[in-house]
Amino acid sequence: MRKRYDFSKARPNPYAKRLKKQITIRLDEDTLEYFKKLAEDAEIPYQTLINLYLRECARTRKRPAMKWKAA
């Protein structure tokens, strides 16, 4: 390992805007198990599968089929 590094020609990460953001989300146990099983079958991490599904929902502007009644 060097004692000093030269960053004079460094440039910002061009992919920084595409990085994922860590959040906390609460999911029902049965929903989580469903995605974990699908992810296991697809051989990908379940968080990646959930992200892919949510991205597809956002891309197609899919809306939940439910009515929320305010109290």
Protein backbone atom coordinates (compact mmCIF):
# COMPACT_ATOMS: atom_id res chain seq x y z
CA MET A 1 0.00 0.00 0.00
CA ARG A 2 1.34 3.43 -0.92
CA LYS A 3 1.75 6.18 1.62
CA ARG A 4 0.26 8.72 -0.80
CA TYR A 5 -2.02 8.49 -3.81
CA ASP A 6 -2.37 11.00 -6.64
CA PHE A 7 -6.03 11.93 -7.17
CA SER A 8 -5.30 14.99 -9.33
CA LYS A 9 -6.68 13.24 -12.43
CA ALA A 10 -9.61 11.61 -10.64
CA ARG A 11 -13.14 12.15 -11.89
CA PRO A 12 -16.54 11.64 -10.26
CA ASN A 13 -18.11 8.21 -10.51
CA PRO A 14 -20.32 8.29 -13.64
CA TYR A 15 -22.53 5.57 -12.14
CA ALA A 16 -23.12 7.28 -8.79
CA LYS A 17 -26.72 8.18 -9.67
CA ARG A 18 -27.46 4.53 -10.44
CA LEU A 19 -26.25 3.22 -7.09
CA LYS A 20 -28.83 1.57 -4.88
CA LYS A 21 -30.00 3.14 -1.67
CA GLN A 22 -30.39 1.10 1.49
CA ILE A 23 -33.80 1.46 3.14
CA THR A 24 -35.87 -0.34 5.73
CA ILE A 25 -39.14 -1.86 4.54
CA ARG A 26 -41.69 -3.88 6.47
CA LEU A 27 -43.07 -6.90 4.64
CA ASP A 28 -45.51 -9.56 5.76
CA GLU A 29 -43.82 -12.86 6.52
CA ASP A 30 -45.77 -14.70 3.82
CA THR A 31 -44.83 -12.05 1.23
CA LEU A 32 -41.17 -12.30 2.14
CA GLU A 33 -41.26 -16.10 2.00
CA TYR A 34 -42.93 -15.93 -1.43
CA PHE A 35 -40.14 -13.74 -2.84
CA LYS A 36 -37.43 -15.81 -1.14
CA LYS A 37 -38.81 -18.97 -2.77
CA LEU A 38 -39.03 -17.31 -6.19
CA ALA A 39 -35.50 -15.98 -5.79
CA GLU A 40 -34.21 -19.41 -4.80
CA ASP A 41 -35.81 -20.93 -7.91
CA ALA A 42 -34.32 -18.16 -10.08
CA GLU A 43 -30.96 -18.42 -8.27
CA ILE A 44 -30.76 -14.69 -7.51
CA PRO A 45 -30.83 -12.82 -4.17
CA TYR A 46 -34.37 -12.17 -2.96
CA GLN A 47 -33.71 -8.45 -2.48
CA THR A 48 -32.66 -8.23 -6.13
CA LEU A 49 -35.86 -9.99 -7.16
CA ILE A 50 -38.01 -7.61 -5.11
CA ASN A 51 -36.16 -4.66 -6.64
CA LEU A 52 -36.69 -6.03 -10.16
CA TYR A 53 -40.41 -6.50 -9.48
CA LEU A 54 -40.82 -2.99 -8.03
CA ARG A 55 -38.84 -1.50 -10.92
CA GLU A 56 -41.16 -3.24 -13.40
CA CYS A 57 -44.21 -1.95 -11.49
CA ALA A 58 -42.81 1.60 -11.62
CA ARG A 59 -41.91 1.30 -15.31
CA THR A 60 -45.42 0.14 -16.26
CA ARG A 61 -47.07 2.50 -13.77
CA LYS A 62 -48.83 -0.44 -12.12
CA ARG A 63 -51.05 0.60 -9.22
CA PRO A 64 -52.23 -1.54 -6.31
CA ALA A 65 -55.74 -2.95 -6.67
CA MET A 66 -57.01 -1.71 -3.31
CA LYS A 67 -58.99 1.10 -1.76
CA TRP A 68 -57.60 2.76 1.37
CA LYS A 69 -60.24 4.33 3.56
CA ALA A 70 -59.08 7.23 5.69
CA ALA A 71 -60.19 7.09 9.32
